[in-house]
Amino acid sequence: MSKLHRLYAEQGQSPWLDNLTRGYLNDGTLARMVADGIRGVTANPTIFAKAIEGSADYDEQFSSLTAAGLTVEDSYWELVIADITAALAVLRPVYDAADGTDGFVSVEVAPELARDTHATIAAARALDQRIDQPNLFVKIPATAQGVPAVQAMIAEGRSINITLIFSLARYAEVIEAYLAGLDAFAGSGGDPSTVHSVASFFVSRVDTEVDQRLDTIGTDEALELRGRAAVAQAKLAYRLFEHQFSGERWQRLSGLGAHRQRPLWASTSTKNPAYLDTLYVDELIGPDTVNTLPEPTIAAFEDHGRVARTIDTGVEEAAEVMRRLAAVGVDMDDVGRTLEDKGVAGFHESFQHMLGSLHAKAPQLTPR
């Protein structure tokens, strides 16, 4: 049994693939990865930009779309929706076997909408209606403007992946948006059992940002904390998850069939070569969680990763790490805001660069 299978069978954690390309769909790679234990797929504007720019697999469809009079941006969305729809079909048996609790594929709203609540709501609703599959997650960034959009979409009974969460404060807002949305949906006669959600809590980027700040501070106390912030914060996020999805309010929703909004560990490839390449998998294993992994991290974990429950061990030590970070001058809320801004900007840059590449390619392609 692969370690990916063991993660789910023994620890209740769902390993998802953090990538999607047409090549993987056409040559059976995604289907083989699902057979090896992958239980979902996430994609984002950067992933699609790399896939479309780095391959000729999309040229024929893109040529046909532009020849039919579609704009480059509309053509891009047709390419994306085609890939998402195909991936949904590959994952549908997982979804069915898990009674609708796994087997999801995520597609993100356009990155330029991240600071516009109403536009995000309209785009998320349109994507959900257009693709119309039960194992679809529409991704909404956890910006201040995105959180109300999440609540609105949950209140309409739509399944949402909330992405770009970098701080405990924002994560608390995301959980509340989900619970309030479920309250509204149930109050309007909806069936909460049809709604699913994950909260994508980013990990390695936190260490990258915090380590830079610790290096700048430069004291022995600061330097001792390098490489410890991301895992510590994620462990505290899991503690918050367990607390918020218990008690009277949750028991009432659970009694109506509602599902817990699972934490999803994102950005789990190790950016610093000095750190173990399975650090953000090994240390964050536990029930009712998802870890979305790029291919090199999957290979490393299968080779030398550890399958053991770790997410709720060392929680007091994690809280102490956070206290020590504050004492040396690292403001984790500011880290979260900085990373959110960088994340939104990075997706926007990828999206614009990819549209530019498609504009350049359009005149070179003729319908076949």
Protein backbone atom coordinates (compact mmCIF):
# COMPACT_ATOMS: atom_id res chain seq x y z
CA MET A 1 0.00 0.00 0.00
CA SER A 2 1.37 3.41 -0.93
CA LYS A 3 1.98 5.96 1.78
CA LEU A 4 -0.69 8.14 0.16
CA HIS A 5 -3.21 5.32 0.66
CA ARG A 6 -1.98 4.90 4.22
CA LEU A 7 -2.46 8.60 4.97
CA TYR A 8 -6.16 8.20 4.33
CA ALA A 9 -6.69 4.66 5.59
CA GLU A 10 -4.71 5.01 8.81
CA GLN A 11 -4.80 8.74 9.60
CA GLY A 12 -7.94 10.14 7.95
CA GLN A 13 -5.99 12.66 5.87
CA SER A 14 -6.76 13.11 2.18
CA PRO A 15 -3.75 13.65 -0.11
CA TRP A 16 -4.59 15.81 -3.11
CA LEU A 17 -2.51 16.73 -6.14
CA ASP A 18 -1.51 20.38 -6.41
CA ASN A 19 -1.32 20.43 -10.20
CA LEU A 20 -3.42 19.90 -13.30
CA THR A 21 -2.34 19.73 -16.94
CA ARG A 22 -4.03 18.49 -20.07
CA GLY A 23 -1.13 16.11 -20.60
CA TYR A 24 -1.95 14.39 -17.31
CA LEU A 25 -5.54 14.00 -18.46
CA ASN A 26 -4.70 12.79 -21.96
CA ASP A 27 -2.01 10.24 -21.08
CA GLY A 28 -3.65 8.77 -17.98
CA THR A 29 -1.19 10.23 -15.48
CA LEU A 30 -3.94 11.69 -13.29
CA ALA A 31 -5.88 8.41 -13.33
CA ARG A 32 -2.73 6.54 -12.28
CA MET A 33 -2.09 9.00 -9.46
CA VAL A 34 -5.65 8.52 -8.23
CA ALA A 35 -5.08 4.76 -8.25
CA ASP A 36 -1.95 5.41 -6.17
CA GLY A 37 -3.91 7.30 -3.52
CA ILE A 38 -4.53 10.86 -4.72
CA ARG A 39 -8.05 11.85 -3.63
CA GLY A 40 -8.50 15.33 -5.10
CA VAL A 41 -6.96 18.03 -7.29
CA THR A 42 -6.26 21.70 -6.73
CA ALA A 43 -5.35 24.22 -9.40
CA ASN A 44 -4.81 27.97 -9.42
CA PRO A 45 -4.02 30.67 -11.99
CA THR A 46 -0.28 30.02 -11.75
CA ILE A 47 -0.72 26.27 -12.34
CA PHE A 48 -2.91 26.86 -15.38
CA ALA A 49 -0.53 29.51 -16.73
CA LYS A 50 2.38 27.05 -16.57
CA ALA A 51 0.31 24.28 -18.14
CA ILE A 52 -0.97 26.38 -21.05
CA GLU A 53 2.28 28.25 -21.73
CA GLY A 54 4.45 25.18 -21.38
CA SER A 55 2.64 22.83 -23.73
CA ALA A 56 1.17 22.58 -27.22
CA ASP A 57 -1.66 20.45 -25.82
CA TYR A 58 -3.99 23.43 -25.77
CA ASP A 59 -3.18 24.85 -29.22
CA GLU A 60 -5.82 23.03 -31.22
CA GLN A 61 -8.70 23.98 -28.94
CA PHE A 62 -7.40 27.53 -28.52
CA SER A 63 -7.13 27.95 -32.29
CA SER A 64 -10.69 26.73 -32.79
CA LEU A 65 -12.01 29.04 -30.09
CA THR A 66 -10.33 32.17 -31.43
CA ALA A 67 -11.36 31.26 -34.98
CA ALA A 68 -14.94 31.08 -33.73
CA GLY A 69 -14.62 34.67 -32.54
CA LEU A 70 -14.01 34.22 -28.82
CA THR A 71 -11.74 36.69 -27.09
CA VAL A 72 -8.43 35.45 -25.73
CA GLU A 73 -9.70 35.68 -22.15
CA ASP A 74 -12.93 33.85 -22.93
CA SER A 75 -10.89 31.22 -24.75
CA TYR A 76 -8.69 30.82 -21.68
CA TRP A 77 -11.71 30.04 -19.54
CA GLU A 78 -12.91 27.48 -22.08
CA LEU A 79 -9.50 25.76 -21.85
CA VAL A 80 -9.64 25.78 -18.05
CA ILE A 81 -13.21 24.51 -17.86
CA ALA A 82 -12.39 21.68 -20.27
CA ASP A 83 -9.53 20.52 -18.03
CA ILE A 84 -11.56 20.89 -14.85
CA THR A 85 -14.48 18.96 -16.33
CA ALA A 86 -12.20 16.12 -17.43
CA ALA A 87 -10.53 16.00 -14.01
CA LEU A 88 -13.91 15.92 -12.28
CA ALA A 89 -14.76 12.79 -14.27
CA VAL A 90 -11.50 11.12 -13.21
CA LEU A 91 -12.16 11.93 -9.53
CA ARG A 92 -15.89 11.15 -9.56
CA PRO A 93 -15.43 7.49 -8.50
CA VAL A 94 -13.51 8.71 -5.44
CA TYR A 95 -16.34 11.15 -4.66
CA ASP A 96 -18.97 8.43 -5.03
CA ALA A 97 -17.04 5.89 -2.94
CA ALA A 98 -16.52 8.49 -0.19
CA ASP A 99 -20.21 9.41 -0.10
CA GLY A 100 -19.39 12.90 -1.33
CA THR A 101 -16.71 13.76 1.21
CA ASP A 102 -13.70 13.54 -1.12
CA GLY A 103 -12.80 13.43 -4.81
CA PHE A 104 -12.99 17.19 -5.38
CA VAL A 105 -11.38 19.33 -8.08
CA SER A 106 -10.92 23.08 -7.47
CA VAL A 107 -11.09 25.96 -9.94
CA GLU A 108 -10.34 29.53 -8.87
CA VAL A 109 -12.15 32.72 -9.79
CA ALA A 110 -10.13 35.24 -11.80
CA PRO A 111 -7.37 36.74 -9.63
CA GLU A 112 -8.24 40.35 -10.46
CA LEU A 113 -11.49 39.89 -8.51
CA ALA A 114 -9.75 39.23 -5.17
CA ARG A 115 -10.61 42.68 -3.76
CA ASP A 116 -14.17 42.85 -5.12
CA THR A 117 -16.85 41.05 -3.12
CA HIS A 118 -19.71 41.44 -5.58
CA ALA A 119 -17.65 40.47 -8.63
CA THR A 120 -16.30 37.43 -6.78
CA ILE A 121 -19.84 36.32 -5.89
CA ALA A 122 -20.96 36.67 -9.51
CA ALA A 123 -17.91 34.83 -10.86
CA ALA A 124 -18.10 32.00 -8.32
CA ARG A 125 -21.80 31.51 -8.95
CA ALA A 126 -21.25 31.49 -12.72
CA LEU A 127 -18.45 28.92 -12.53
CA ASP A 128 -20.46 26.68 -10.22
CA GLN A 129 -23.51 26.85 -12.48
CA ARG A 130 -21.52 26.43 -15.66
CA ILE A 131 -19.60 23.34 -14.59
CA ASP A 132 -22.45 21.96 -12.45
CA GLN A 133 -20.78 18.89 -10.94
CA PRO A 134 -21.19 17.81 -7.31
CA ASN A 135 -17.43 17.30 -6.78
CA LEU A 136 -16.49 20.81 -7.90
CA PHE A 137 -14.96 23.32 -5.50
CA VAL A 138 -14.90 26.94 -6.61
CA LYS A 139 -11.90 28.66 -5.05
CA ILE A 140 -12.29 32.10 -3.46
CA PRO A 141 -9.31 33.93 -1.93
CA ALA A 142 -9.55 34.68 1.80
CA THR A 143 -9.11 38.42 1.39
CA ALA A 144 -11.19 40.83 3.48
CA GLN A 145 -13.45 41.15 0.42
CA GLY A 146 -13.41 37.42 -0.31
CA VAL A 147 -14.66 36.27 3.08
CA PRO A 148 -18.17 37.79 2.65
CA ALA A 149 -18.30 36.20 -0.80
CA VAL A 150 -17.58 32.83 0.80
CA GLN A 151 -20.45 33.31 3.23
CA ALA A 152 -22.79 34.30 0.40
CA MET A 153 -21.87 31.26 -1.70
CA ILE A 154 -22.25 28.83 1.21
CA ALA A 155 -25.62 30.43 1.94
CA GLU A 156 -26.62 29.52 -1.62
CA GLY A 157 -25.57 25.92 -1.04
CA ARG A 158 -22.40 26.02 -3.15
CA SER A 159 -19.22 24.12 -2.21
CA ILE A 160 -16.23 26.43 -1.79
CA ASN A 161 -12.46 26.08 -1.33
CA ILE A 162 -11.18 29.17 0.50
CA THR A 163 -7.59 29.81 -0.55
CA LEU A 164 -4.68 32.05 0.44
CA ILE A 165 -5.17 31.78 4.22
CA PHE A 166 -1.96 32.84 5.98
CA SER A 167 -2.97 33.79 9.53
CA LEU A 168 -5.00 32.46 12.43
CA ALA A 169 -7.03 35.66 12.55
CA ARG A 170 -8.14 35.29 8.94
CA TYR A 171 -8.75 31.56 9.40
CA ALA A 172 -11.17 32.34 12.25
CA GLU A 173 -13.07 34.67 9.90
CA VAL A 174 -13.21 31.93 7.24
CA ILE A 175 -14.67 29.40 9.68
CA GLU A 176 -17.28 31.93 10.79
CA ALA A 177 -18.19 32.67 7.16
CA TYR A 178 -18.76 28.97 6.59
CA LEU A 179 -20.85 28.49 9.72
CA ALA A 180 -22.90 31.64 9.09
CA GLY A 181 -23.44 30.55 5.49
CA LEU A 182 -24.64 27.15 6.64
CA ASP A 183 -26.97 28.79 9.17
CA ALA A 184 -28.47 30.91 6.39
CA PHE A 185 -28.74 28.00 3.95
CA ALA A 186 -30.44 25.77 6.50
CA GLY A 187 -32.68 28.65 7.56
CA SER A 188 -33.91 29.06 3.99
CA GLY A 189 -34.80 25.39 3.74
CA GLY A 190 -31.56 24.15 2.19
CA ASP A 191 -29.97 20.80 2.95
CA PRO A 192 -26.57 21.40 4.59
CA SER A 193 -25.45 17.85 3.78
CA THR A 194 -25.05 18.93 0.13
CA VAL A 195 -22.46 21.60 0.99
CA HIS A 196 -18.74 20.96 1.36
CA SER A 197 -15.80 23.23 2.02
CA VAL A 198 -12.07 23.24 2.70
CA ALA A 199 -10.00 26.07 4.15
CA SER A 200 -6.63 26.24 2.40
CA PHE A 201 -4.09 27.24 5.03
CA PHE A 202 -0.71 28.00 3.45
CA VAL A 203 2.39 26.66 5.13
CA SER A 204 5.86 26.90 3.57
CA ARG A 205 5.45 30.50 2.45
CA VAL A 206 4.99 31.41 6.12
CA ASP A 207 8.44 30.09 6.98
CA THR A 208 9.95 31.88 3.99
CA GLU A 209 8.57 35.24 5.12
CA VAL A 210 9.18 34.73 8.84
CA ASP A 211 12.73 33.45 8.30
CA GLN A 212 13.56 36.60 6.33
CA ARG A 213 12.32 38.71 9.22
CA LEU A 214 14.24 36.62 11.76
CA ASP A 215 17.43 36.95 9.72
CA THR A 216 16.93 40.74 9.69
CA ILE A 217 16.46 40.82 13.47
CA GLY A 218 19.60 38.70 13.73
CA THR A 219 19.70 37.95 17.46
CA ASP A 220 20.44 34.47 18.74
CA GLU A 221 16.87 34.24 20.06
CA ALA A 222 15.49 35.14 16.64
CA LEU A 223 17.75 32.86 14.64
CA GLU A 224 16.81 29.88 16.83
CA LEU A 225 13.21 30.24 15.62
CA ARG A 226 13.93 29.84 11.91
CA GLY A 227 11.89 27.10 10.24
CA ARG A 228 9.44 26.75 13.12
CA ALA A 229 6.68 29.30 12.48
CA ALA A 230 4.77 27.54 9.70
CA VAL A 231 4.25 24.19 11.40
CA ALA A 232 3.51 25.87 14.75
CA GLN A 233 0.85 28.10 13.22
CA ALA A 234 -0.73 25.18 11.34
CA LYS A 235 -0.95 23.13 14.53
CA LEU A 236 -2.73 26.03 16.21
CA ALA A 237 -5.02 26.31 13.20
CA TYR A 238 -6.01 22.66 13.69
CA ARG A 239 -6.70 23.35 17.36
CA LEU A 240 -8.95 26.24 16.30
CA PHE A 241 -10.69 23.96 13.79
CA GLU A 242 -11.44 21.38 16.46
CA HIS A 243 -12.73 24.03 18.84
CA GLN A 244 -14.99 25.79 16.32
CA PHE A 245 -16.44 22.57 14.95
CA SER A 246 -17.72 21.44 18.33
CA GLY A 247 -20.17 22.84 20.84
CA GLU A 248 -23.86 23.69 20.60
CA ARG A 249 -23.84 25.67 17.36
CA TRP A 250 -21.97 22.99 15.45
CA GLN A 251 -23.98 20.16 17.00
CA ARG A 252 -27.16 21.77 15.69
CA LEU A 253 -25.72 22.10 12.15
CA SER A 254 -24.22 18.62 12.29
CA GLY A 255 -27.62 17.27 13.28
CA LEU A 256 -28.92 18.72 10.01
CA GLY A 257 -26.24 16.83 8.09
CA ALA A 258 -23.60 19.55 7.79
CA HIS A 259 -19.98 18.60 7.12
CA ARG A 260 -16.98 20.07 8.91
CA GLN A 261 -14.91 22.45 6.83
CA ARG A 262 -11.63 20.59 6.66
CA PRO A 263 -8.31 22.41 6.94
CA LEU A 264 -6.28 21.96 3.77
CA TRP A 265 -2.52 22.34 4.08
CA ALA A 266 -1.34 24.20 0.98
CA SER A 267 2.09 25.30 -0.17
CA THR A 268 3.62 22.14 1.27
CA SER A 269 6.73 21.92 -0.89
CA THR A 270 9.80 22.87 1.15
CA LYS A 271 11.25 26.13 -0.16
CA ASN A 272 14.40 26.14 1.99
CA PRO A 273 16.83 23.34 0.99
CA ALA A 274 18.14 23.29 4.56
CA TYR A 275 14.81 21.86 5.72
CA LEU A 276 13.61 18.28 5.24
CA ASP A 277 11.71 18.01 1.96
CA THR A 278 8.80 16.26 3.68
CA LEU A 279 8.63 18.69 6.63
CA TYR A 280 5.20 20.11 5.77
CA VAL A 281 3.71 16.65 5.26
CA ASP A 282 5.27 14.72 8.14
CA GLU A 283 4.38 17.32 10.78
CA LEU A 284 0.77 17.98 9.73
CA ILE A 285 -0.87 14.56 9.58
CA GLY A 286 -4.22 14.05 11.25
CA PRO A 287 -7.91 13.28 10.76
CA ASP A 288 -10.31 15.54 8.87
CA THR A 289 -7.49 17.29 7.01
CA VAL A 290 -6.27 17.54 3.43
CA ASN A 291 -2.69 17.99 2.23
CA THR A 292 -2.32 19.16 -1.37
CA LEU A 293 1.03 18.12 -2.77
CA PRO A 294 3.12 18.85 -5.86
CA GLU A 295 4.70 15.86 -7.58
CA PRO A 296 8.23 16.21 -6.11
CA THR A 297 6.81 16.29 -2.58
CA ILE A 298 4.71 13.20 -3.30
CA ALA A 299 7.83 11.37 -4.50
CA ALA A 300 9.83 12.47 -1.46
CA PHE A 301 7.08 11.44 0.94
CA GLU A 302 6.70 8.02 -0.67
CA ASP A 303 10.47 7.56 -0.41
CA HIS A 304 11.17 8.70 3.15
CA GLY A 305 8.09 10.34 4.68
CA ARG A 306 6.56 9.22 7.97
CA VAL A 307 2.93 8.15 8.30
CA ALA A 308 2.01 9.03 11.88
CA ARG A 309 -0.47 11.34 13.58
CA THR A 310 1.37 14.57 14.28
CA ILE A 311 -1.09 17.43 13.81
CA ASP A 312 -2.14 17.57 17.46
CA THR A 313 1.19 16.71 19.07
CA GLY A 314 3.38 19.46 20.48
CA VAL A 315 0.57 22.00 20.44
CA GLU A 316 1.74 23.75 23.61
CA GLU A 317 5.23 23.96 22.13
CA ALA A 318 3.65 25.46 19.01
CA ALA A 319 1.94 28.11 21.13
CA GLU A 320 5.27 28.82 22.80
CA VAL A 321 6.92 29.28 19.39
CA MET A 322 4.29 31.87 18.54
CA ARG A 323 4.88 33.66 21.84
CA ARG A 324 8.62 33.69 21.22
CA LEU A 325 8.16 35.03 17.70
CA ALA A 326 6.13 37.92 19.08
CA ALA A 327 8.75 38.54 21.76
CA VAL A 328 11.55 38.96 19.21
CA GLY A 329 9.42 41.30 17.12
CA VAL A 330 7.68 39.14 14.48
CA ASP A 331 4.05 40.21 14.04
CA MET A 332 2.27 37.15 12.63
CA ASP A 333 -0.81 39.14 11.62
CA ASP A 334 1.45 41.40 9.57
CA VAL A 335 3.13 38.32 8.11
CA GLY A 336 -0.31 37.11 7.08
CA ARG A 337 -1.25 40.41 5.43
CA THR A 338 2.07 40.57 3.60
CA LEU A 339 1.73 37.03 2.28
CA GLU A 340 -1.88 37.61 1.27
CA ASP A 341 -0.85 40.64 -0.77
CA LYS A 342 2.00 38.69 -2.36
CA GLY A 343 -0.27 35.75 -3.10
CA VAL A 344 -2.94 37.85 -4.77
CA ALA A 345 -0.31 39.76 -6.75
CA GLY A 346 1.45 36.54 -7.80
CA PHE A 347 -1.73 34.97 -9.16
CA HIS A 348 -2.61 38.19 -10.96
CA GLU A 349 0.86 38.39 -12.51
CA SER A 350 0.68 34.77 -13.70
CA PHE A 351 -2.77 35.35 -15.16
CA GLN A 352 -1.74 38.49 -17.04
CA HIS A 353 1.47 36.93 -18.33
CA MET A 354 -0.44 33.90 -19.59
CA LEU A 355 -3.03 36.11 -21.35
CA GLY A 356 -0.15 37.98 -22.98
CA SER A 357 1.32 34.70 -24.20
CA LEU A 358 -2.04 33.65 -25.63
CA HIS A 359 -2.45 37.01 -27.38
CA ALA A 360 0.97 36.48 -28.96
CA LYS A 361 0.15 32.92 -29.94
CA ALA A 362 -3.29 33.60 -31.45
CA PRO A 363 -2.12 34.93 -34.85
CA GLN A 364 0.32 32.04 -35.22
CA LEU A 365 -2.36 29.36 -34.97
CA THR A 366 -4.82 28.45 -37.68
CA PRO A 367 -7.69 26.01 -37.30
CA ARG A 368 -6.72 22.47 -38.17
